[in-house]
Amino acid sequence: MKRLWFSYILTLILLIFVVVILFWMFKPYLSGKFSLTTPLPDSLTSYVNRQVSTLNLWFPSAKSEEGNTVQKPVTSARAAVIYDLTTEKFLFEKNKDGKLPMASLTKIMTAIVALENKKQDDSYVVSKNDLVGEDSMGLSEGEVLTLEDLLYGLMLPSGNDAAETLASNYSGGRNEFVKAMNDKVEALGLKNTHFTNPSGLQGDGEQYTTASDLLVITRYVLSNFSLFRKVVLTVEQVIPYSSNHKAFYLYNETNLLTSYPGVKGVKTGYTPEAGLCLVTYLEYKGHKIIGVILGSNNRREEMKELLDYSLRTLGVEPPSHG
């Protein structure tokens, strides 16, 4: 009997000992002082950066088209890249990592943040403060539109009013929207792009990017959002009158949609500081090509020349174009 009691007491002592050890092991969890460490930087974890959706980083290959006999065009652009997503090669590059202002190319990121954070009721109310800048889709204070409507106004006539409306309707307001834009840059693994407003207007702090970063940003939005692809492919769009807003007629005048066969959009930009800027997406003869021009004197003609040159380096005869 004494041996049995001795066994019980010994077992109890051992259990108490185990409990004490476990308590000290898990004390950081219980006290809330435990911190999870990962090999990823904070900017790529959803705990810190709300704009991290899926960790699917992509960076352009360093490969370039070499050994071709096609005469390389001279461009006035301060920076430019042409990249073939099909062969994963740079077909043309000039100052691709130079930090430069981007003007309304900013709105590509504005579209990304808006698409990834769509309002549940899909109703975006226009406020007086949203009506800024010369380029607009023609919004009026108090009107209510959908995300799709505003994306057409954002991308076709480059509406600053559409950009500001998307930002002001974001959870937390405009400042949080701009923060989300910069958080998304970090979530894409980019370090040379910074936004201070959703429209690209200058005079509102330092906004800059690189041709290489814009390539990554453009590929991301084209790869993930069919609505964006549909919008930027549109030459003209009529948004009919409703009880919430007037009718809108929107026309895409400034890309190469109607003048270069195979072009599928994307976006133009201009400020005196940034010069003429252009991002173009081309699908032609089995190739998917993104072109970026920053600070050009003649963005459309130079983009055509760069696309022609790039196709020829691939052994593809460019299309006839205006």
C-alpha atoms as a PDB file:
ATOM      1  CA  MET A   1       0.000   0.000   0.000  1.00  0.00           C
ATOM      2  CA  LYS A   2       2.855   2.351   0.838  1.00  0.00           C
ATOM      3  CA  ARG A   3       4.451   1.592  -2.529  1.00  0.00           C
ATOM      4  CA  LEU A   4       1.176   2.442  -4.301  1.00  0.00           C
ATOM      5  CA  TRP A   5       0.922   5.800  -2.537  1.00  0.00           C
ATOM      6  CA  PHE A   6       4.560   6.459  -3.316  1.00  0.00           C
ATOM      7  CA  SER A   7       3.860   5.794  -7.032  1.00  0.00           C
ATOM      8  CA  TYR A   8       0.878   8.186  -6.981  1.00  0.00           C
ATOM      9  CA  ILE A   9       2.951  10.911  -5.326  1.00  0.00           C
ATOM     10  CA  LEU A  10       5.831  10.432  -7.775  1.00  0.00           C
ATOM     11  CA  THR A  11       3.464  10.552 -10.753  1.00  0.00           C
ATOM     12  CA  LEU A  12       1.872  13.736  -9.402  1.00  0.00           C
ATOM     13  CA  ILE A  13       5.280  15.363  -8.957  1.00  0.00           C
ATOM     14  CA  LEU A  14       6.231  14.429 -12.526  1.00  0.00           C
ATOM     15  CA  LEU A  15       2.937  15.866 -13.882  1.00  0.00           C
ATOM     16  CA  ILE A  16       3.483  19.101 -11.983  1.00  0.00           C
ATOM     17  CA  PHE A  17       7.023  19.271 -13.345  1.00  0.00           C
ATOM     18  CA  VAL A  18       5.785  18.742 -16.927  1.00  0.00           C
ATOM     19  CA  VAL A  19       3.075  21.415 -16.503  1.00  0.00           C
ATOM     20  CA  VAL A  20       5.630  23.919 -15.208  1.00  0.00           C
ATOM     21  CA  ILE A  21       7.982  23.204 -18.142  1.00  0.00           C
ATOM     22  CA  LEU A  22       5.146  23.544 -20.663  1.00  0.00           C
ATOM     23  CA  PHE A  23       4.009  26.767 -19.020  1.00  0.00           C
ATOM     24  CA  TRP A  24       7.456  28.332 -19.440  1.00  0.00           C
ATOM     25  CA  MET A  25       7.695  27.089 -23.017  1.00  0.00           C
ATOM     26  CA  PHE A  26       4.360  28.590 -24.020  1.00  0.00           C
ATOM     27  CA  LYS A  27       4.518  31.689 -21.820  1.00  0.00           C
ATOM     28  CA  PRO A  28       5.316  33.986 -24.841  1.00  0.00           C
ATOM     29  CA  TYR A  29       2.101  32.818 -26.535  1.00  0.00           C
ATOM     30  CA  LEU A  30       0.012  33.310 -23.414  1.00  0.00           C
ATOM     31  CA  SER A  31       1.417  36.750 -22.662  1.00  0.00           C
ATOM     32  CA  GLY A  32       0.971  37.981 -26.232  1.00  0.00           C
ATOM     33  CA  LYS A  33       4.697  38.644 -26.591  1.00  0.00           C
ATOM     34  CA  PHE A  34       5.261  35.888 -29.105  1.00  0.00           C
ATOM     35  CA  SER A  35       6.261  37.087 -32.553  1.00  0.00           C
ATOM     36  CA  LEU A  36       6.256  34.877 -35.610  1.00  0.00           C
ATOM     37  CA  THR A  37       9.388  35.173 -37.685  1.00  0.00           C
ATOM     38  CA  THR A  38       9.447  34.341 -41.390  1.00  0.00           C
ATOM     39  CA  PRO A  39      12.118  34.593 -44.080  1.00  0.00           C
ATOM     40  CA  LEU A  40       9.942  37.193 -45.828  1.00  0.00           C
ATOM     41  CA  PRO A  41      10.243  40.942 -45.220  1.00  0.00           C
ATOM     42  CA  ASP A  42       7.294  42.520 -43.407  1.00  0.00           C
ATOM     43  CA  SER A  43       6.124  44.190 -46.625  1.00  0.00           C
ATOM     44  CA  LEU A  44       5.407  40.757 -48.125  1.00  0.00           C
ATOM     45  CA  THR A  45       3.336  39.413 -45.225  1.00  0.00           C
ATOM     46  CA  SER A  46      -0.404  39.945 -44.928  1.00  0.00           C
ATOM     47  CA  TYR A  47       0.037  40.523 -41.171  1.00  0.00           C
ATOM     48  CA  VAL A  48       1.697  43.856 -41.943  1.00  0.00           C
ATOM     49  CA  ASN A  49       0.667  44.673 -45.510  1.00  0.00           C
ATOM     50  CA  ARG A  50      -3.044  44.365 -46.282  1.00  0.00           C
ATOM     51  CA  GLN A  51      -2.353  44.588 -50.005  1.00  0.00           C
ATOM     52  CA  VAL A  52      -0.557  41.228 -50.060  1.00  0.00           C
ATOM     53  CA  SER A  53      -3.104  38.893 -51.614  1.00  0.00           C
ATOM     54  CA  THR A  54      -1.151  35.972 -53.023  1.00  0.00           C
ATOM     55  CA  LEU A  55       2.609  35.789 -52.972  1.00  0.00           C
ATOM     56  CA  ASN A  56       3.151  35.484 -56.707  1.00  0.00           C
ATOM     57  CA  LEU A  57       6.129  37.717 -57.382  1.00  0.00           C
ATOM     58  CA  TRP A  58       7.337  38.173 -60.937  1.00  0.00           C
ATOM     59  CA  PHE A  59      10.403  39.998 -62.149  1.00  0.00           C
ATOM     60  CA  PRO A  60      11.423  40.422 -65.790  1.00  0.00           C
ATOM     61  CA  SER A  61      14.227  38.218 -67.004  1.00  0.00           C
ATOM     62  CA  ALA A  62      17.580  39.886 -67.554  1.00  0.00           C
ATOM     63  CA  LYS A  63      17.782  38.245 -70.977  1.00  0.00           C
ATOM     64  CA  SER A  64      17.752  40.538 -73.981  1.00  0.00           C
ATOM     65  CA  GLU A  65      17.594  40.020 -77.722  1.00  0.00           C
ATOM     66  CA  GLU A  66      21.182  39.892 -78.898  1.00  0.00           C
ATOM     67  CA  GLY A  67      22.955  39.394 -82.178  1.00  0.00           C
ATOM     68  CA  ASN A  68      20.196  40.794 -84.390  1.00  0.00           C
ATOM     69  CA  THR A  69      21.023  42.972 -87.377  1.00  0.00           C
ATOM     70  CA  VAL A  70      17.966  45.224 -87.098  1.00  0.00           C
ATOM     71  CA  GLN A  71      18.921  48.875 -86.723  1.00  0.00           C
ATOM     72  CA  LYS A  72      18.061  50.074 -83.242  1.00  0.00           C
ATOM     73  CA  PRO A  73      15.796  53.142 -83.207  1.00  0.00           C
ATOM     74  CA  VAL A  74      16.762  56.376 -81.475  1.00  0.00           C
ATOM     75  CA  THR A  75      14.109  57.609 -79.044  1.00  0.00           C
ATOM     76  CA  SER A  76      13.677  60.939 -77.288  1.00  0.00           C
ATOM     77  CA  ALA A  77      12.190  59.134 -74.270  1.00  0.00           C
ATOM     78  CA  ARG A  78      14.074  59.525 -71.013  1.00  0.00           C
ATOM     79  CA  ALA A  79      13.370  55.832 -70.352  1.00  0.00           C
ATOM     80  CA  ALA A  80      11.804  52.992 -72.312  1.00  0.00           C
ATOM     81  CA  VAL A  81      11.430  49.220 -72.340  1.00  0.00           C
ATOM     82  CA  ILE A  82       9.845  46.734 -74.706  1.00  0.00           C
ATOM     83  CA  TYR A  83       9.436  43.284 -73.169  1.00  0.00           C
ATOM     84  CA  ASP A  84       8.137  40.091 -74.751  1.00  0.00           C
ATOM     85  CA  LEU A  85       6.209  38.064 -72.189  1.00  0.00           C
ATOM     86  CA  THR A  86       6.210  35.102 -74.559  1.00  0.00           C
ATOM     87  CA  THR A  87       9.968  34.661 -74.844  1.00  0.00           C
ATOM     88  CA  GLU A  88      10.706  36.415 -71.508  1.00  0.00           C
ATOM     89  CA  LYS A  89      13.157  38.855 -73.097  1.00  0.00           C
ATOM     90  CA  PHE A  90      13.818  42.561 -73.185  1.00  0.00           C
ATOM     91  CA  LEU A  91      13.638  43.583 -76.833  1.00  0.00           C
ATOM     92  CA  PHE A  92      14.555  47.203 -76.164  1.00  0.00           C
ATOM     93  CA  GLU A  93      15.691  49.047 -73.072  1.00  0.00           C
ATOM     94  CA  LYS A  94      16.867  52.534 -72.233  1.00  0.00           C
ATOM     95  CA  ASN A  95      17.447  53.730 -68.667  1.00  0.00           C
ATOM     96  CA  LYS A  96      14.970  51.099 -67.470  1.00  0.00           C
ATOM     97  CA  ASP A  97      15.792  51.592 -63.776  1.00  0.00           C
ATOM     98  CA  GLY A  98      15.928  55.400 -63.763  1.00  0.00           C
ATOM     99  CA  LYS A  99      13.440  56.999 -61.342  1.00  0.00           C
ATOM    100  CA  LEU A 100      11.141  59.356 -63.246  1.00  0.00           C
ATOM    101  CA  PRO A 101       7.722  61.006 -62.831  1.00  0.00           C
ATOM    102  CA  MET A 102       4.903  59.011 -64.432  1.00  0.00           C
ATOM    103  CA  ALA A 103       1.929  61.401 -64.704  1.00  0.00           C
ATOM    104  CA  SER A 104      -1.363  59.528 -65.307  1.00  0.00           C
ATOM    105  CA  LEU A 105       0.320  56.149 -65.624  1.00  0.00           C
ATOM    106  CA  THR A 106      -0.319  56.345 -61.877  1.00  0.00           C
ATOM    107  CA  LYS A 107      -3.901  55.354 -62.675  1.00  0.00           C
ATOM    108  CA  ILE A 108      -2.842  51.793 -63.498  1.00  0.00           C
ATOM    109  CA  MET A 109      -2.090  51.293 -59.807  1.00  0.00           C
ATOM    110  CA  THR A 110      -5.243  53.203 -58.888  1.00  0.00           C
ATOM    111  CA  ALA A 111      -7.199  50.635 -60.886  1.00  0.00           C
ATOM    112  CA  ILE A 112      -5.409  47.734 -59.176  1.00  0.00           C
ATOM    113  CA  VAL A 113      -6.177  48.948 -55.653  1.00  0.00           C
ATOM    114  CA  ALA A 114      -9.795  49.708 -56.574  1.00  0.00           C
ATOM    115  CA  LEU A 115     -10.272  46.277 -58.169  1.00  0.00           C
ATOM    116  CA  GLU A 116      -8.750  44.450 -55.212  1.00  0.00           C
ATOM    117  CA  ASN A 117     -10.801  46.417 -52.677  1.00  0.00           C
ATOM    118  CA  LYS A 118     -14.192  46.687 -54.350  1.00  0.00           C
ATOM    119  CA  LYS A 119     -16.985  48.067 -52.172  1.00  0.00           C
ATOM    120  CA  GLN A 120     -19.535  45.469 -51.194  1.00  0.00           C
ATOM    121  CA  ASP A 121     -22.471  47.569 -52.422  1.00  0.00           C
ATOM    122  CA  ASP A 122     -20.559  48.669 -55.559  1.00  0.00           C
ATOM    123  CA  SER A 123     -21.774  52.248 -55.057  1.00  0.00           C
ATOM    124  CA  TYR A 124     -19.237  55.080 -55.248  1.00  0.00           C
ATOM    125  CA  VAL A 125     -20.443  58.544 -54.267  1.00  0.00           C
ATOM    126  CA  VAL A 126     -18.841  61.586 -55.894  1.00  0.00           C
ATOM    127  CA  SER A 127     -17.874  64.353 -53.486  1.00  0.00           C
ATOM    128  CA  LYS A 128     -16.950  67.963 -54.215  1.00  0.00           C
ATOM    129  CA  ASN A 129     -13.295  67.320 -53.375  1.00  0.00           C
ATOM    130  CA  ASP A 130     -13.128  64.626 -56.071  1.00  0.00           C
ATOM    131  CA  LEU A 131     -13.548  67.152 -58.886  1.00  0.00           C
ATOM    132  CA  VAL A 132      -9.924  68.084 -59.600  1.00  0.00           C
ATOM    133  CA  GLY A 133      -7.700  68.633 -62.632  1.00  0.00           C
ATOM    134  CA  GLU A 134      -8.469  69.281 -66.270  1.00  0.00           C
ATOM    135  CA  ASP A 135      -8.806  65.667 -67.435  1.00  0.00           C
ATOM    136  CA  SER A 136     -12.134  64.284 -66.279  1.00  0.00           C
ATOM    137  CA  MET A 137     -14.962  61.956 -67.181  1.00  0.00           C
ATOM    138  CA  GLY A 138     -17.424  64.728 -66.280  1.00  0.00           C
ATOM    139  CA  LEU A 139     -18.624  63.706 -62.839  1.00  0.00           C
ATOM    140  CA  SER A 140     -20.803  65.931 -60.676  1.00  0.00           C
ATOM    141  CA  GLU A 141     -21.041  66.121 -56.912  1.00  0.00           C
ATOM    142  CA  GLY A 142     -23.574  63.677 -55.452  1.00  0.00           C
ATOM    143  CA  GLU A 143     -23.620  61.244 -58.381  1.00  0.00           C
ATOM    144  CA  VAL A 144     -23.302  57.533 -57.614  1.00  0.00           C
ATOM    145  CA  LEU A 145     -21.536  55.154 -60.003  1.00  0.00           C
ATOM    146  CA  THR A 146     -20.269  51.573 -60.046  1.00  0.00           C
ATOM    147  CA  LEU A 147     -16.641  50.495 -60.012  1.00  0.00           C
ATOM    148  CA  GLU A 148     -16.864  49.430 -63.660  1.00  0.00           C
ATOM    149  CA  ASP A 149     -18.271  52.812 -64.694  1.00  0.00           C
ATOM    150  CA  LEU A 150     -15.474  54.615 -62.896  1.00  0.00           C
ATOM    151  CA  LEU A 151     -12.812  52.355 -64.429  1.00  0.00           C
ATOM    152  CA  TYR A 152     -13.969  53.410 -67.894  1.00  0.00           C
ATOM    153  CA  GLY A 153     -13.780  57.033 -66.790  1.00  0.00           C
ATOM    154  CA  LEU A 154     -10.375  56.426 -65.237  1.00  0.00           C
ATOM    155  CA  MET A 155      -8.722  54.732 -68.214  1.00  0.00           C
ATOM    156  CA  LEU A 156     -10.374  56.135 -71.369  1.00  0.00           C
ATOM    157  CA  PRO A 157     -10.401  59.931 -70.818  1.00  0.00           C
ATOM    158  CA  SER A 158      -7.926  59.610 -67.890  1.00  0.00           C
ATOM    159  CA  GLY A 159     -10.433  61.117 -65.500  1.00  0.00           C
ATOM    160  CA  ASN A 160      -8.858  62.633 -62.415  1.00  0.00           C
ATOM    161  CA  ASP A 161     -12.369  62.879 -60.983  1.00  0.00           C
ATOM    162  CA  ALA A 162     -12.781  59.108 -61.389  1.00  0.00           C
ATOM    163  CA  ALA A 163      -9.434  58.485 -59.651  1.00  0.00           C
ATOM    164  CA  GLU A 164     -10.319  60.726 -56.721  1.00  0.00           C
ATOM    165  CA  THR A 165     -13.792  59.215 -56.381  1.00  0.00           C
ATOM    166  CA  LEU A 166     -12.330  55.707 -56.169  1.00  0.00           C
ATOM    167  CA  ALA A 167      -9.870  56.940 -53.545  1.00  0.00           C
ATOM    168  CA  SER A 168     -12.351  58.883 -51.404  1.00  0.00           C
ATOM    169  CA  ASN A 169     -14.699  55.879 -51.255  1.00  0.00           C
ATOM    170  CA  TYR A 170     -11.976  53.592 -49.959  1.00  0.00           C
ATOM    171  CA  SER A 171     -12.266  52.287 -46.406  1.00  0.00           C
ATOM    172  CA  GLY A 172     -10.383  54.887 -44.388  1.00  0.00           C
ATOM    173  CA  GLY A 173     -10.552  57.514 -47.127  1.00  0.00           C
ATOM    174  CA  ARG A 174      -8.145  59.007 -49.643  1.00  0.00           C
ATOM    175  CA  ASN A 175      -5.005  58.894 -47.501  1.00  0.00           C
ATOM    176  CA  GLU A 176      -5.506  55.204 -46.795  1.00  0.00           C
ATOM    177  CA  PHE A 177      -6.066  54.570 -50.508  1.00  0.00           C
ATOM    178  CA  VAL A 178      -2.729  56.195 -51.367  1.00  0.00           C
ATOM    179  CA  LYS A 179      -1.099  54.148 -48.613  1.00  0.00           C
ATOM    180  CA  ALA A 180      -2.641  51.044 -50.148  1.00  0.00           C
ATOM    181  CA  MET A 181      -1.105  52.004 -53.514  1.00  0.00           C
ATOM    182  CA  ASN A 182       2.343  52.129 -51.946  1.00  0.00           C
ATOM    183  CA  ASP A 183       1.687  48.954 -49.968  1.00  0.00           C
ATOM    184  CA  LYS A 184       0.804  47.216 -53.240  1.00  0.00           C
ATOM    185  CA  VAL A 185       4.101  48.361 -54.735  1.00  0.00           C
ATOM    186  CA  GLU A 186       5.887  46.651 -51.848  1.00  0.00           C
ATOM    187  CA  ALA A 187       3.670  43.570 -52.171  1.00  0.00           C
ATOM    188  CA  LEU A 188       4.874  43.257 -55.778  1.00  0.00           C
ATOM    189  CA  GLY A 189       8.466  43.347 -54.559  1.00  0.00           C
ATOM    190  CA  LEU A 190       9.197  46.752 -56.108  1.00  0.00           C
ATOM    191  CA  LYS A 191      11.360  49.418 -54.482  1.00  0.00           C
ATOM    192  CA  ASN A 192      11.604  52.232 -57.041  1.00  0.00           C
ATOM    193  CA  THR A 193       8.001  53.445 -57.256  1.00  0.00           C
ATOM    194  CA  HIS A 194       6.168  55.870 -54.963  1.00  0.00           C
ATOM    195  CA  PHE A 195       2.726  57.470 -55.115  1.00  0.00           C
ATOM    196  CA  THR A 196       1.366  60.563 -53.387  1.00  0.00           C
ATOM    197  CA  ASN A 197      -2.039  60.778 -55.082  1.00  0.00           C
ATOM    198  CA  PRO A 198      -4.355  58.529 -57.146  1.00  0.00           C
ATOM    199  CA  SER A 199      -4.391  60.629 -60.320  1.00  0.00           C
ATOM    200  CA  GLY A 200      -0.768  61.435 -61.159  1.00  0.00           C
ATOM    201  CA  LEU A 201      -1.172  65.199 -60.960  1.00  0.00           C
ATOM    202  CA  GLN A 202       2.106  66.885 -60.111  1.00  0.00           C
ATOM    203  CA  GLY A 203       2.539  69.323 -57.249  1.00  0.00           C
ATOM    204  CA  ASP A 204       1.267  66.869 -54.629  1.00  0.00           C
ATOM    205  CA  GLY A 205       4.554  65.451 -53.403  1.00  0.00           C
ATOM    206  CA  GLU A 206       7.166  63.328 -55.111  1.00  0.00           C
ATOM    207  CA  GLN A 207       5.759  60.621 -57.380  1.00  0.00           C
ATOM    208  CA  TYR A 208       8.127  58.450 -59.345  1.00  0.00           C
ATOM    209  CA  THR A 209       8.588  55.066 -60.959  1.00  0.00           C
ATOM    210  CA  THR A 210      10.842  53.282 -63.417  1.00  0.00           C
ATOM    211  CA  ALA A 211      10.138  51.739 -66.798  1.00  0.00           C
ATOM    212  CA  SER A 212      11.046  48.359 -65.313  1.00  0.00           C
ATOM    213  CA  ASP A 213       8.654  48.761 -62.356  1.00  0.00           C
ATOM    214  CA  LEU A 214       5.822  49.816 -64.674  1.00  0.00           C
ATOM    215  CA  LEU A 215       6.418  46.674 -66.704  1.00  0.00           C
ATOM    216  CA  VAL A 216       5.858  44.566 -63.568  1.00  0.00           C
ATOM    217  CA  ILE A 217       2.800  46.582 -62.507  1.00  0.00           C
ATOM    218  CA  THR A 218       1.233  46.359 -65.974  1.00  0.00           C
ATOM    219  CA  ARG A 219       1.843  42.640 -66.286  1.00  0.00           C
ATOM    220  CA  TYR A 220       0.229  42.147 -62.868  1.00  0.00           C
ATOM    221  CA  VAL A 221      -2.980  43.981 -63.720  1.00  0.00           C
ATOM    222  CA  LEU A 222      -3.287  42.367 -67.163  1.00  0.00           C
ATOM    223  CA  SER A 223      -2.713  38.905 -65.689  1.00  0.00           C
ATOM    224  CA  ASN A 224      -5.226  39.209 -62.870  1.00  0.00           C
ATOM    225  CA  PHE A 225      -8.184  41.344 -63.946  1.00  0.00           C
ATOM    226  CA  SER A 226     -10.329  40.557 -66.972  1.00  0.00           C
ATOM    227  CA  LEU A 227     -12.396  43.700 -66.323  1.00  0.00           C
ATOM    228  CA  PHE A 228      -9.278  45.851 -66.644  1.00  0.00           C
ATOM    229  CA  ARG A 229      -8.362  44.128 -69.926  1.00  0.00           C
ATOM    230  CA  LYS A 230     -11.883  44.764 -71.228  1.00  0.00           C
ATOM    231  CA  VAL A 231     -11.831  48.427 -70.217  1.00  0.00           C
ATOM    232  CA  VAL A 232      -8.454  49.316 -71.759  1.00  0.00           C
ATOM    233  CA  LEU A 233      -9.407  47.500 -74.984  1.00  0.00           C
ATOM    234  CA  THR A 234     -12.430  49.785 -75.388  1.00  0.00           C
ATOM    235  CA  VAL A 235     -12.307  52.638 -77.920  1.00  0.00           C
ATOM    236  CA  GLU A 236     -15.573  54.270 -76.866  1.00  0.00           C
ATOM    237  CA  GLN A 237     -18.034  53.644 -74.074  1.00  0.00           C
ATOM    238  CA  VAL A 238     -21.513  54.984 -73.384  1.00  0.00           C
ATOM    239  CA  ILE A 239     -22.699  54.898 -69.782  1.00  0.00           C
ATOM    240  CA  PRO A 240     -26.457  55.476 -70.011  1.00  0.00           C
ATOM    241  CA  TYR A 241     -28.410  57.851 -67.808  1.00  0.00           C
ATOM    242  CA  SER A 242     -29.744  56.467 -64.539  1.00  0.00           C
ATOM    243  CA  SER A 243     -31.464  57.910 -61.497  1.00  0.00           C
ATOM    244  CA  ASN A 244     -28.005  58.060 -59.853  1.00  0.00           C
ATOM    245  CA  HIS A 245     -26.078  59.916 -62.557  1.00  0.00           C
ATOM    246  CA  LYS A 246     -26.152  61.609 -65.952  1.00  0.00           C
ATOM    247  CA  ALA A 247     -25.210  59.833 -69.191  1.00  0.00           C
ATOM    248  CA  PHE A 248     -21.519  59.715 -70.123  1.00  0.00           C
ATOM    249  CA  TYR A 249     -19.847  59.309 -73.507  1.00  0.00           C
ATOM    250  CA  LEU A 250     -16.217  58.303 -73.082  1.00  0.00           C
ATOM    251  CA  TYR A 251     -13.646  58.031 -75.872  1.00  0.00           C
ATOM    252  CA  ASN A 252     -10.154  56.570 -75.809  1.00  0.00           C
ATOM    253  CA  GLU A 253      -8.241  58.963 -78.047  1.00  0.00           C
ATOM    254  CA  THR A 254      -4.673  58.644 -76.968  1.00  0.00           C
ATOM    255  CA  ASN A 255      -3.440  55.058 -77.300  1.00  0.00           C
ATOM    256  CA  LEU A 256      -2.757  52.988 -80.449  1.00  0.00           C
ATOM    257  CA  LEU A 257      -5.970  50.932 -80.407  1.00  0.00           C
ATOM    258  CA  THR A 258      -7.163  52.165 -83.784  1.00  0.00           C
ATOM    259  CA  SER A 259      -3.795  52.740 -85.451  1.00  0.00           C
ATOM    260  CA  TYR A 260      -1.589  49.716 -84.648  1.00  0.00           C
ATOM    261  CA  PRO A 261      -3.124  46.263 -85.239  1.00  0.00           C
ATOM    262  CA  GLY A 262      -2.828  43.987 -82.220  1.00  0.00           C
ATOM    263  CA  VAL A 263      -2.627  46.745 -79.619  1.00  0.00           C
ATOM    264  CA  LYS A 264      -4.934  46.094 -76.643  1.00  0.00           C
ATOM    265  CA  GLY A 265      -4.485  49.394 -74.708  1.00  0.00           C
ATOM    266  CA  VAL A 266      -3.257  50.367 -71.758  1.00  0.00           C
ATOM    267  CA  LYS A 267      -2.621  53.976 -70.634  1.00  0.00           C
ATOM    268  CA  THR A 268      -1.159  57.360 -71.452  1.00  0.00           C
ATOM    269  CA  GLY A 269       0.087  60.146 -69.223  1.00  0.00           C
ATOM    270  CA  TYR A 270       1.330  63.699 -69.442  1.00  0.00           C
ATOM    271  CA  THR A 271       2.408  66.516 -67.174  1.00  0.00           C
ATOM    272  CA  PRO A 272       5.020  69.182 -67.950  1.00  0.00           C
ATOM    273  CA  GLU A 273       7.282  67.517 -65.404  1.00  0.00           C
ATOM    274  CA  ALA A 274       6.846  63.951 -66.704  1.00  0.00           C
ATOM    275  CA  GLY A 275       6.580  64.676 -70.414  1.00  0.00           C
ATOM    276  CA  LEU A 276       4.627  62.330 -72.677  1.00  0.00           C
ATOM    277  CA  CYS A 277       4.296  58.836 -71.198  1.00  0.00           C
ATOM    278  CA  LEU A 278       2.745  55.667 -72.576  1.00  0.00           C
ATOM    279  CA  VAL A 279       2.227  52.032 -71.629  1.00  0.00           C
ATOM    280  CA  THR A 280       1.089  49.796 -74.489  1.00  0.00           C
ATOM    281  CA  TYR A 281       0.136  46.125 -74.623  1.00  0.00           C
ATOM    282  CA  LEU A 282       0.428  44.270 -77.935  1.00  0.00           C
ATOM    283  CA  GLU A 283      -0.670  40.780 -78.939  1.00  0.00           C
ATOM    284  CA  TYR A 284       0.655  39.904 -82.380  1.00  0.00           C
ATOM    285  CA  LYS A 285       1.678  36.691 -84.185  1.00  0.00           C
ATOM    286  CA  GLY A 286       1.910  34.662 -80.976  1.00  0.00           C
ATOM    287  CA  HIS A 287       3.779  37.307 -78.993  1.00  0.00           C
ATOM    288  CA  LYS A 288       2.539  39.270 -75.973  1.00  0.00           C
ATOM    289  CA  ILE A 289       4.518  42.464 -75.622  1.00  0.00           C
ATOM    290  CA  ILE A 290       4.432  45.312 -73.080  1.00  0.00           C
ATOM    291  CA  GLY A 291       5.997  48.631 -74.011  1.00  0.00           C
ATOM    292  CA  VAL A 292       6.716  51.492 -71.611  1.00  0.00           C
ATOM    293  CA  ILE A 293       7.822  55.008 -72.554  1.00  0.00           C
ATOM    294  CA  LEU A 294       8.563  57.775 -70.037  1.00  0.00           C
ATOM    295  CA  GLY A 295       9.380  61.392 -70.890  1.00  0.00           C
ATOM    296  CA  SER A 296       8.983  61.276 -74.667  1.00  0.00           C
ATOM    297  CA  ASN A 297       8.543  64.117 -77.141  1.00  0.00           C
ATOM    298  CA  ASN A 298       6.319  61.971 -79.391  1.00  0.00           C
ATOM    299  CA  ARG A 299       5.087  58.924 -77.502  1.00  0.00           C
ATOM    300  CA  ARG A 300       2.788  57.412 -80.126  1.00  0.00           C
ATOM    301  CA  GLU A 301       5.174  57.531 -83.085  1.00  0.00           C
ATOM    302  CA  GLU A 302       8.079  56.397 -80.947  1.00  0.00           C
ATOM    303  CA  MET A 303       6.063  53.505 -79.527  1.00  0.00           C
ATOM    304  CA  LYS A 304       5.196  52.421 -83.054  1.00  0.00           C
ATOM    305  CA  GLU A 305       8.871  52.519 -84.029  1.00  0.00           C
ATOM    306  CA  LEU A 306       9.870  50.550 -80.949  1.00  0.00           C
ATOM    307  CA  LEU A 307       7.167  47.930 -81.529  1.00  0.00           C
ATOM    308  CA  ASP A 308       8.201  47.585 -85.191  1.00  0.00           C
ATOM    309  CA  TYR A 309      11.834  47.191 -84.198  1.00  0.00           C
ATOM    310  CA  SER A 310      11.023  44.681 -81.473  1.00  0.00           C
ATOM    311  CA  LEU A 311       8.914  42.487 -83.731  1.00  0.00           C
ATOM    312  CA  ARG A 312      11.653  42.464 -86.358  1.00  0.00           C
ATOM    313  CA  THR A 313      14.213  41.334 -83.790  1.00  0.00           C
ATOM    314  CA  LEU A 314      11.883  38.376 -83.187  1.00  0.00           C
ATOM    315  CA  GLY A 315      11.771  37.608 -86.898  1.00  0.00           C
ATOM    316  CA  VAL A 316       8.195  38.873 -87.207  1.00  0.00           C
ATOM    317  CA  GLU A 317       7.182  41.370 -89.878  1.00  0.00           C
ATOM    318  CA  PRO A 318       5.290  44.236 -88.187  1.00  0.00           C
ATOM    319  CA  PRO A 319       1.722  44.976 -89.253  1.00  0.00           C
ATOM    320  CA  SER A 320       0.842  47.841 -91.575  1.00  0.00           C
ATOM    321  CA  HIS A 321      -0.283  50.769 -89.463  1.00  0.00           C
ATOM    322  CA  GLY A 322      -1.215  54.397 -89.651  1.00  0.00           C
END
